Amino acid sequence: MRRFVLLITGCMSWCAGIVLIFMAALTFADIVMRYFWTPIPGVYEVVAYLGLALAGLVLPRSSLMKAHVAVDFVTEKLSGKPKLIVLIITKVLVALFFVITAWYFVGMAQSFIATKSVTMTLKLPFYPVVLVMVFSFFVQGIVSIYQIFEEEGGARNE
């Protein structure tokens, strides 16, 4: 399980890096084009799409690496079994939240496909970015469950 989680989150991080480089290059090209000729049409739409995809792609890996902000002033005062129980309940709630949200996004993507919703300038469909979020949120749910068994299980054995 550990290899799977590390592999999938690593691949997502690489994809996020590529997206970030493309966003920067597109923004730079738009600035240069704006200065010399005319701006690139629809650059704001593309950068907004890519920014949303970027946020979704880095979420599971940052959670796995504990690169997020954690407010643990309650749990640091606990010790032993109560602390473990609170941590497990928190991870289960986080996993449920992300899986339920991903399921909701599946319905949203189906709605966007059925109504053929597109952006105003470039006529890009909405659903691909929503599907990236679905995938990212499902992986985040898996990462949260993995953390329960890997980290909290390891804490019990120490």
N, C-alpha and C. Protein backbone atom coordinates (compact mmCIF):
# COMPACT_ATOMS: atom_id res chain seq x y z
N MET A 1 0.83 -1.20 0.00
CA MET A 1 0.00 0.00 0.00
C MET A 1 0.87 1.26 0.00
N ARG A 2 1.96 1.19 0.76
CA ARG A 2 2.85 2.35 0.85
C ARG A 2 3.40 2.72 -0.53
N ARG A 3 3.83 1.72 -1.29
CA ARG A 3 4.38 1.98 -2.62
C ARG A 3 3.34 2.60 -3.54
N PHE A 4 2.12 2.09 -3.46
CA PHE A 4 1.04 2.63 -4.30
C PHE A 4 0.79 4.09 -3.98
N VAL A 5 0.68 4.40 -2.69
CA VAL A 5 0.40 5.78 -2.28
C VAL A 5 1.54 6.70 -2.70
N LEU A 6 2.78 6.27 -2.48
CA LEU A 6 3.92 7.10 -2.87
C LEU A 6 4.01 7.26 -4.38
N LEU A 7 3.72 6.19 -5.12
CA LEU A 7 3.77 6.26 -6.58
C LEU A 7 2.72 7.21 -7.13
N ILE A 8 1.49 7.05 -6.68
CA ILE A 8 0.40 7.87 -7.24
C ILE A 8 0.56 9.33 -6.85
N THR A 9 0.94 9.59 -5.60
CA THR A 9 1.11 10.99 -5.19
C THR A 9 2.36 11.60 -5.84
N GLY A 10 3.38 10.78 -6.07
CA GLY A 10 4.57 11.27 -6.77
C GLY A 10 4.26 11.65 -8.21
N CYS A 11 3.50 10.79 -8.90
CA CYS A 11 3.10 11.10 -10.28
C CYS A 11 2.25 12.36 -10.33
N MET A 12 1.35 12.50 -9.35
CA MET A 12 0.52 13.70 -9.31
C MET A 12 1.38 14.95 -9.08
N SER A 13 2.40 14.83 -8.25
CA SER A 13 3.30 15.97 -8.00
C SER A 13 4.06 16.35 -9.26
N TRP A 14 4.53 15.37 -10.02
CA TRP A 14 5.22 15.64 -11.28
C TRP A 14 4.29 16.35 -12.25
N CYS A 15 3.06 15.86 -12.34
CA CYS A 15 2.08 16.50 -13.21
C CYS A 15 1.83 17.94 -12.77
N ALA A 16 1.75 18.14 -11.47
CA ALA A 16 1.55 19.49 -10.94
C ALA A 16 2.72 20.39 -11.30
N GLY A 17 3.93 19.86 -11.25
CA GLY A 17 5.10 20.64 -11.63
C GLY A 17 5.06 21.06 -13.09
N ILE A 18 4.65 20.14 -13.95
CA ILE A 18 4.53 20.45 -15.37
C ILE A 18 3.45 21.51 -15.59
N VAL A 19 2.34 21.37 -14.88
CA VAL A 19 1.25 22.37 -14.99
C VAL A 19 1.75 23.73 -14.54
N LEU A 20 2.49 23.77 -13.44
CA LEU A 20 3.01 25.04 -12.93
C LEU A 20 3.97 25.70 -13.92
N ILE A 21 4.85 24.91 -14.51
CA ILE A 21 5.78 25.45 -15.51
C ILE A 21 5.01 25.99 -16.71
N PHE A 22 4.00 25.24 -17.16
CA PHE A 22 3.19 25.69 -18.29
C PHE A 22 2.45 26.99 -17.95
N MET A 23 1.92 27.09 -16.73
CA MET A 23 1.23 28.32 -16.31
C MET A 23 2.19 29.51 -16.34
N ALA A 24 3.39 29.31 -15.83
CA ALA A 24 4.38 30.39 -15.80
C ALA A 24 4.78 30.79 -17.22
N ALA A 25 5.00 29.81 -18.08
CA ALA A 25 5.39 30.11 -19.46
C ALA A 25 4.26 30.83 -20.20
N LEU A 26 3.04 30.40 -19.98
CA LEU A 26 1.90 31.04 -20.62
C LEU A 26 1.72 32.48 -20.14
N THR A 27 1.88 32.68 -18.84
CA THR A 27 1.77 34.03 -18.29
C THR A 27 2.88 34.92 -18.83
N PHE A 28 4.10 34.40 -18.89
CA PHE A 28 5.21 35.16 -19.43
C PHE A 28 4.97 35.51 -20.90
N ALA A 29 4.52 34.54 -21.67
CA ALA A 29 4.23 34.79 -23.09
C ALA A 29 3.14 35.84 -23.25
N ASP A 30 2.14 35.80 -22.40
CA ASP A 30 1.07 36.79 -22.46
C ASP A 30 1.59 38.19 -22.16
N ILE A 31 2.49 38.30 -21.18
CA ILE A 31 3.06 39.61 -20.84
C ILE A 31 3.89 40.15 -22.01
N VAL A 32 4.70 39.29 -22.61
CA VAL A 32 5.53 39.71 -23.74
C VAL A 32 4.64 40.11 -24.91
N MET A 33 3.64 39.29 -25.19
CA MET A 33 2.72 39.60 -26.30
C MET A 33 1.97 40.90 -26.03
N ARG A 34 1.60 41.14 -24.79
CA ARG A 34 0.87 42.35 -24.42
C ARG A 34 1.75 43.58 -24.64
N TYR A 35 3.03 43.44 -24.36
CA TYR A 35 3.95 44.56 -24.48
C TYR A 35 4.23 44.90 -25.94
N PHE A 36 4.42 43.88 -26.77
CA PHE A 36 4.81 44.13 -28.16
C PHE A 36 3.64 44.15 -29.14
N TRP A 37 2.68 43.25 -28.98
CA TRP A 37 1.58 43.15 -29.93
C TRP A 37 0.25 43.17 -29.19
N THR A 38 -0.46 42.07 -29.25
CA THR A 38 -1.73 41.96 -28.54
C THR A 38 -1.67 40.80 -27.56
N PRO A 39 -2.44 40.84 -26.49
CA PRO A 39 -2.40 39.74 -25.51
C PRO A 39 -2.94 38.43 -26.12
N ILE A 40 -2.59 37.34 -25.49
CA ILE A 40 -3.08 36.03 -25.92
C ILE A 40 -4.53 35.90 -25.46
N PRO A 41 -5.45 35.65 -26.38
CA PRO A 41 -6.85 35.55 -25.97
C PRO A 41 -7.10 34.30 -25.11
N GLY A 42 -7.85 34.49 -24.04
CA GLY A 42 -8.25 33.38 -23.18
C GLY A 42 -7.20 32.91 -22.19
N VAL A 43 -6.13 33.69 -22.03
CA VAL A 43 -5.06 33.25 -21.13
C VAL A 43 -5.56 33.17 -19.68
N TYR A 44 -6.46 34.04 -19.28
CA TYR A 44 -6.99 34.01 -17.92
C TYR A 44 -7.78 32.73 -17.67
N GLU A 45 -8.55 32.29 -18.67
CA GLU A 45 -9.31 31.05 -18.54
C GLU A 45 -8.39 29.85 -18.36
N VAL A 46 -7.37 29.79 -19.19
CA VAL A 46 -6.45 28.66 -19.15
C VAL A 46 -5.68 28.64 -17.83
N VAL A 47 -5.19 29.80 -17.38
CA VAL A 47 -4.45 29.87 -16.13
C VAL A 47 -5.36 29.53 -14.95
N ALA A 48 -6.60 29.97 -14.98
CA ALA A 48 -7.53 29.62 -13.90
C ALA A 48 -7.79 28.11 -13.87
N TYR A 49 -8.00 27.51 -15.02
CA TYR A 49 -8.19 26.05 -15.11
C TYR A 49 -6.97 25.32 -14.56
N LEU A 50 -5.81 25.73 -15.03
CA LEU A 50 -4.59 25.07 -14.61
C LEU A 50 -4.32 25.27 -13.12
N GLY A 51 -4.67 26.44 -12.60
CA GLY A 51 -4.49 26.68 -11.17
C GLY A 51 -5.35 25.77 -10.33
N LEU A 52 -6.58 25.54 -10.77
CA LEU A 52 -7.46 24.62 -10.05
C LEU A 52 -6.92 23.20 -10.12
N ALA A 53 -6.48 22.79 -11.31
CA ALA A 53 -5.89 21.45 -11.46
C ALA A 53 -4.64 21.32 -10.60
N LEU A 54 -3.83 22.36 -10.56
CA LEU A 54 -2.61 22.36 -9.76
C LEU A 54 -2.92 22.16 -8.28
N ALA A 55 -3.91 22.90 -7.78
CA ALA A 55 -4.28 22.78 -6.37
C ALA A 55 -4.74 21.36 -6.04
N GLY A 56 -5.52 20.77 -6.93
CA GLY A 56 -5.97 19.41 -6.70
C GLY A 56 -4.85 18.40 -6.76
N LEU A 57 -3.93 18.58 -7.70
CA LEU A 57 -2.85 17.60 -7.88
C LEU A 57 -1.85 17.58 -6.72
N VAL A 58 -1.61 18.71 -6.09
CA VAL A 58 -0.63 18.74 -5.00
C VAL A 58 -1.24 18.40 -3.64
N LEU A 59 -2.53 18.38 -3.54
CA LEU A 59 -3.19 18.16 -2.25
C LEU A 59 -2.81 16.83 -1.58
N PRO A 60 -2.92 15.68 -2.25
CA PRO A 60 -2.59 14.43 -1.56
C PRO A 60 -1.13 14.32 -1.13
N ARG A 61 -0.22 14.75 -1.98
CA ARG A 61 1.20 14.66 -1.63
C ARG A 61 1.55 15.58 -0.47
N SER A 62 1.00 16.79 -0.47
CA SER A 62 1.30 17.71 0.64
C SER A 62 0.72 17.17 1.95
N SER A 63 -0.41 16.51 1.87
CA SER A 63 -0.98 15.89 3.07
C SER A 63 -0.10 14.73 3.54
N LEU A 64 0.36 13.93 2.62
CA LEU A 64 1.21 12.79 2.95
C LEU A 64 2.53 13.25 3.56
N MET A 65 3.09 14.34 3.05
CA MET A 65 4.36 14.85 3.54
C MET A 65 4.20 15.81 4.72
N LYS A 66 2.96 16.02 5.14
CA LYS A 66 2.63 16.93 6.25
C LYS A 66 3.15 18.34 5.99
N ALA A 67 2.94 18.81 4.77
CA ALA A 67 3.37 20.14 4.36
C ALA A 67 2.24 21.15 4.49
N HIS A 68 1.20 20.80 5.20
CA HIS A 68 0.06 21.68 5.38
C HIS A 68 0.08 22.26 6.79
N VAL A 69 -0.76 23.24 7.01
CA VAL A 69 -0.87 23.85 8.32
C VAL A 69 -1.71 22.96 9.21
N ALA A 70 -1.21 22.66 10.38
CA ALA A 70 -1.96 21.83 11.34
C ALA A 70 -2.11 22.60 12.64
N VAL A 71 -3.33 22.68 13.11
CA VAL A 71 -3.59 23.31 14.40
C VAL A 71 -3.80 22.18 15.39
N ASP A 72 -2.79 21.92 16.19
CA ASP A 72 -2.85 20.77 17.08
C ASP A 72 -2.71 21.14 18.56
N PHE A 73 -3.20 22.31 18.92
CA PHE A 73 -3.07 22.72 20.31
C PHE A 73 -3.92 21.86 21.24
N VAL A 74 -4.93 21.18 20.72
CA VAL A 74 -5.73 20.27 21.54
C VAL A 74 -5.03 18.92 21.66
N THR A 75 -4.60 18.37 20.53
CA THR A 75 -4.00 17.04 20.56
C THR A 75 -2.64 17.01 21.23
N GLU A 76 -1.91 18.12 21.23
CA GLU A 76 -0.60 18.10 21.89
C GLU A 76 -0.73 18.04 23.41
N LYS A 77 -1.89 18.40 23.94
CA LYS A 77 -2.12 18.31 25.38
C LYS A 77 -2.56 16.90 25.80
N LEU A 78 -2.99 16.10 24.82
CA LEU A 78 -3.40 14.73 25.10
C LEU A 78 -2.20 13.80 24.99
N SER A 79 -2.34 12.64 25.59
CA SER A 79 -1.27 11.65 25.47
C SER A 79 -1.88 10.26 25.38
N GLY A 80 -1.14 9.37 24.78
CA GLY A 80 -1.55 7.97 24.73
C GLY A 80 -2.79 7.71 23.91
N LYS A 81 -3.68 6.93 24.51
CA LYS A 81 -4.87 6.46 23.80
C LYS A 81 -5.84 7.59 23.40
N PRO A 82 -6.13 8.57 24.26
CA PRO A 82 -7.03 9.65 23.82
C PRO A 82 -6.51 10.41 22.60
N LYS A 83 -5.20 10.64 22.56
CA LYS A 83 -4.61 11.33 21.42
C LYS A 83 -4.77 10.49 20.16
N LEU A 84 -4.51 9.20 20.26
CA LEU A 84 -4.64 8.30 19.12
C LEU A 84 -6.08 8.26 18.61
N ILE A 85 -7.04 8.23 19.52
CA ILE A 85 -8.46 8.21 19.14
C ILE A 85 -8.84 9.48 18.40
N VAL A 86 -8.41 10.62 18.91
CA VAL A 86 -8.72 11.90 18.25
C VAL A 86 -8.09 11.95 16.86
N LEU A 87 -6.86 11.51 16.74
CA LEU A 87 -6.18 11.51 15.44
C LEU A 87 -6.88 10.58 14.45
N ILE A 88 -7.30 9.41 14.89
CA ILE A 88 -7.99 8.48 14.00
C ILE A 88 -9.33 9.04 13.57
N ILE A 89 -10.09 9.58 14.51
CA ILE A 89 -11.40 10.17 14.17
C ILE A 89 -11.22 11.32 13.17
N THR A 90 -10.21 12.13 13.38
CA THR A 90 -9.95 13.25 12.46
C THR A 90 -9.63 12.75 11.06
N LYS A 91 -8.76 11.74 10.95
CA LYS A 91 -8.40 11.20 9.63
C LYS A 91 -9.61 10.56 8.94
N VAL A 92 -10.45 9.87 9.70
CA VAL A 92 -11.65 9.26 9.12
C VAL A 92 -12.59 10.35 8.60
N LEU A 93 -12.78 11.41 9.37
CA LEU A 93 -13.63 12.51 8.93
C LEU A 93 -13.07 13.20 7.69
N VAL A 94 -11.77 13.37 7.65
CA VAL A 94 -11.14 13.98 6.48
C VAL A 94 -11.34 13.08 5.26
N ALA A 95 -11.13 11.78 5.42
CA ALA A 95 -11.32 10.84 4.31
C ALA A 95 -12.76 10.87 3.83
N LEU A 96 -13.72 10.85 4.75
CA LEU A 96 -15.14 10.91 4.38
C LEU A 96 -15.46 12.21 3.65
N PHE A 97 -14.95 13.31 4.15
CA PHE A 97 -15.20 14.60 3.51
C PHE A 97 -14.72 14.59 2.06
N PHE A 98 -13.49 14.13 1.83
CA PHE A 98 -12.95 14.18 0.47
C PHE A 98 -13.63 13.18 -0.46
N VAL A 99 -13.98 12.01 0.03
CA VAL A 99 -14.67 11.03 -0.82
C VAL A 99 -16.08 11.52 -1.16
N ILE A 100 -16.78 12.07 -0.18
CA ILE A 100 -18.13 12.61 -0.45
C ILE A 100 -18.05 13.79 -1.42
N THR A 101 -17.07 14.65 -1.23
CA THR A 101 -16.90 15.79 -2.13
C THR A 101 -16.56 15.32 -3.54
N ALA A 102 -15.71 14.31 -3.65
CA ALA A 102 -15.38 13.76 -4.97
C ALA A 102 -16.63 13.19 -5.63
N TRP A 103 -17.45 12.50 -4.84
CA TRP A 103 -18.69 11.95 -5.39
C TRP A 103 -19.62 13.07 -5.88
N TYR A 104 -19.67 14.16 -5.14
CA TYR A 104 -20.47 15.31 -5.56
C TYR A 104 -19.92 15.89 -6.87
N PHE A 105 -18.58 15.95 -6.98
CA PHE A 105 -17.97 16.46 -8.20
C PHE A 105 -18.22 15.56 -9.40
N VAL A 106 -18.39 14.26 -9.17
CA VAL A 106 -18.75 13.36 -10.27
C VAL A 106 -20.09 13.81 -10.86
N GLY A 107 -21.05 14.10 -9.99
CA GLY A 107 -22.35 14.59 -10.45
C GLY A 107 -22.23 15.92 -11.17
N MET A 108 -21.36 16.78 -10.66
CA MET A 108 -21.14 18.07 -11.30
C MET A 108 -20.55 17.89 -12.69
N ALA A 109 -19.58 16.99 -12.83
CA ALA A 109 -18.97 16.73 -14.14
C ALA A 109 -20.00 16.16 -15.11
N GLN A 110 -20.85 15.26 -14.62
CA GLN A 110 -21.90 14.71 -15.48
C GLN A 110 -22.85 15.81 -15.94
N SER A 111 -23.15 16.73 -15.05
CA SER A 111 -24.02 17.85 -15.41
C SER A 111 -23.36 18.74 -16.45
N PHE A 112 -22.07 19.01 -16.29
CA PHE A 112 -21.35 19.83 -17.26
C PHE A 112 -21.28 19.14 -18.62
N ILE A 113 -21.12 17.82 -18.62
CA ILE A 113 -21.09 17.08 -19.88
C ILE A 113 -22.46 17.13 -20.55
N ALA A 114 -23.51 16.92 -19.77
CA ALA A 114 -24.87 16.89 -20.33
C ALA A 114 -25.28 18.25 -20.90
N THR A 115 -24.89 19.33 -20.21
CA THR A 115 -25.30 20.66 -20.66
C THR A 115 -24.28 21.29 -21.61
N LYS A 116 -23.17 20.60 -21.83
CA LYS A 116 -22.10 21.09 -22.71
C LYS A 116 -21.62 22.48 -22.27
N SER A 117 -21.41 22.65 -20.97
CA SER A 117 -20.94 23.92 -20.43
C SER A 117 -19.50 24.19 -20.84
N VAL A 118 -19.26 25.40 -21.33
CA VAL A 118 -17.93 25.79 -21.78
C VAL A 118 -17.62 27.20 -21.29
N THR A 119 -16.33 27.56 -21.39
CA THR A 119 -15.93 28.91 -21.00
C THR A 119 -16.34 29.90 -22.08
N MET A 120 -16.31 31.17 -21.73
CA MET A 120 -16.82 32.19 -22.64
C MET A 120 -15.90 32.48 -23.82
N THR A 121 -14.60 32.59 -23.57
CA THR A 121 -13.70 33.02 -24.63
C THR A 121 -13.23 31.87 -25.52
N LEU A 122 -12.65 30.86 -24.92
CA LEU A 122 -12.06 29.77 -25.71
C LEU A 122 -13.00 28.59 -25.92
N LYS A 123 -14.14 28.62 -25.29
CA LYS A 123 -15.12 27.53 -25.40
C LYS A 123 -14.54 26.20 -24.91
N LEU A 124 -13.73 26.25 -23.83
CA LEU A 124 -13.19 25.04 -23.23
C LEU A 124 -14.25 24.40 -22.35
N PRO A 125 -14.41 23.10 -22.39
CA PRO A 125 -15.40 22.45 -21.52
C PRO A 125 -14.94 22.48 -20.06
N PHE A 126 -15.91 22.56 -19.16
CA PHE A 126 -15.61 22.62 -17.73
C PHE A 126 -15.24 21.26 -17.14
N TYR A 127 -15.80 20.19 -17.68
CA TYR A 127 -15.70 18.90 -17.01
C TYR A 127 -14.29 18.32 -16.85
N PRO A 128 -13.31 18.56 -17.74
CA PRO A 128 -12.00 17.94 -17.50
C PRO A 128 -11.35 18.38 -16.19
N VAL A 129 -11.46 19.64 -15.85
CA VAL A 129 -10.86 20.12 -14.60
C VAL A 129 -11.62 19.54 -13.41
N VAL A 130 -12.92 19.40 -13.53
CA VAL A 130 -13.71 18.81 -12.45
C VAL A 130 -13.31 17.35 -12.27
N LEU A 131 -13.05 16.64 -13.35
CA LEU A 131 -12.62 15.25 -13.24
C LEU A 131 -11.23 15.12 -12.61
N VAL A 132 -10.36 16.09 -12.86
CA VAL A 132 -9.06 16.11 -12.17
C VAL A 132 -9.28 16.27 -10.67
N MET A 133 -10.21 17.13 -10.29
CA MET A 133 -10.52 17.31 -8.86
C MET A 133 -11.12 16.03 -8.26
N VAL A 134 -11.97 15.35 -9.02
CA VAL A 134 -12.54 14.08 -8.55
C VAL A 134 -11.41 13.10 -8.24
N PHE A 135 -10.51 12.93 -9.18
CA PHE A 135 -9.38 12.01 -8.98
C PHE A 135 -8.55 12.43 -7.78
N SER A 136 -8.23 13.71 -7.68
CA SER A 136 -7.40 14.20 -6.58
C SER A 136 -8.07 13.99 -5.23
N PHE A 137 -9.37 14.23 -5.17
CA PHE A 137 -10.08 14.08 -3.89
C PHE A 137 -10.20 12.62 -3.49
N PHE A 138 -10.40 11.72 -4.46
CA PHE A 138 -10.41 10.29 -4.14
C PHE A 138 -9.04 9.85 -3.62
N VAL A 139 -7.99 10.31 -4.25
CA VAL A 139 -6.64 9.97 -3.80
C VAL A 139 -6.39 10.56 -2.41
N GLN A 140 -6.88 11.77 -2.15
CA GLN A 140 -6.72 12.36 -0.82
C GLN A 140 -7.44 11.50 0.23
N GLY A 141 -8.61 10.98 -0.10
CA GLY A 141 -9.31 10.08 0.81
C GLY A 141 -8.50 8.83 1.09
N ILE A 142 -7.88 8.27 0.04
CA ILE A 142 -7.04 7.08 0.22
C ILE A 142 -5.83 7.41 1.09
N VAL A 143 -5.23 8.57 0.87
CA VAL A 143 -4.07 9.00 1.67
C VAL A 143 -4.46 9.14 3.13
N SER A 144 -5.62 9.69 3.40
CA SER A 144 -6.07 9.84 4.80
C SER A 144 -6.26 8.48 5.47
N ILE A 145 -6.87 7.54 4.76
CA ILE A 145 -7.04 6.19 5.31
C ILE A 145 -5.68 5.52 5.49
N TYR A 146 -4.80 5.70 4.52
CA TYR A 146 -3.44 5.15 4.62
C TYR A 146 -2.74 5.68 5.86
N GLN A 147 -2.89 6.97 6.13
CA GLN A 147 -2.23 7.57 7.28
C GLN A 147 -2.75 6.99 8.59
N ILE A 148 -4.00 6.59 8.63
CA ILE A 148 -4.54 5.97 9.85
C ILE A 148 -3.78 4.68 10.14
N PHE A 149 -3.66 3.83 9.15
CA PHE A 149 -3.05 2.52 9.37
C PHE A 149 -1.53 2.58 9.46
N GLU A 150 -0.92 3.47 8.70
CA GLU A 150 0.54 3.55 8.68
C GLU A 150 1.07 4.33 9.88
N GLU A 151 0.59 5.53 10.07
CA GLU A 151 1.16 6.40 11.09
C GLU A 151 0.62 6.10 12.49
N GLU A 152 -0.69 6.05 12.62
CA GLU A 152 -1.26 5.80 13.93
C GLU A 152 -1.00 4.36 14.36
N GLY A 153 -0.97 3.45 13.39
CA GLY A 153 -0.61 2.06 13.72
C GLY A 153 0.83 1.95 14.17
N GLY A 154 1.69 2.72 13.52
CA GLY A 154 3.10 2.75 13.93
C GLY A 154 3.28 3.39 15.30
N ALA A 155 2.45 4.39 15.61
CA ALA A 155 2.53 5.05 16.91
C ALA A 155 2.16 4.09 18.03
N ARG A 156 1.22 3.16 17.77
CA ARG A 156 0.83 2.19 18.78
C ARG A 156 1.95 1.19 19.05
N ASN A 157 2.73 0.87 18.02
CA ASN A 157 3.76 -0.14 18.17
C ASN A 157 4.99 0.39 18.89
N GLU A 158 5.13 1.69 18.99
CA GLU A 158 6.31 2.27 19.63
C GLU A 158 6.19 2.25 21.12
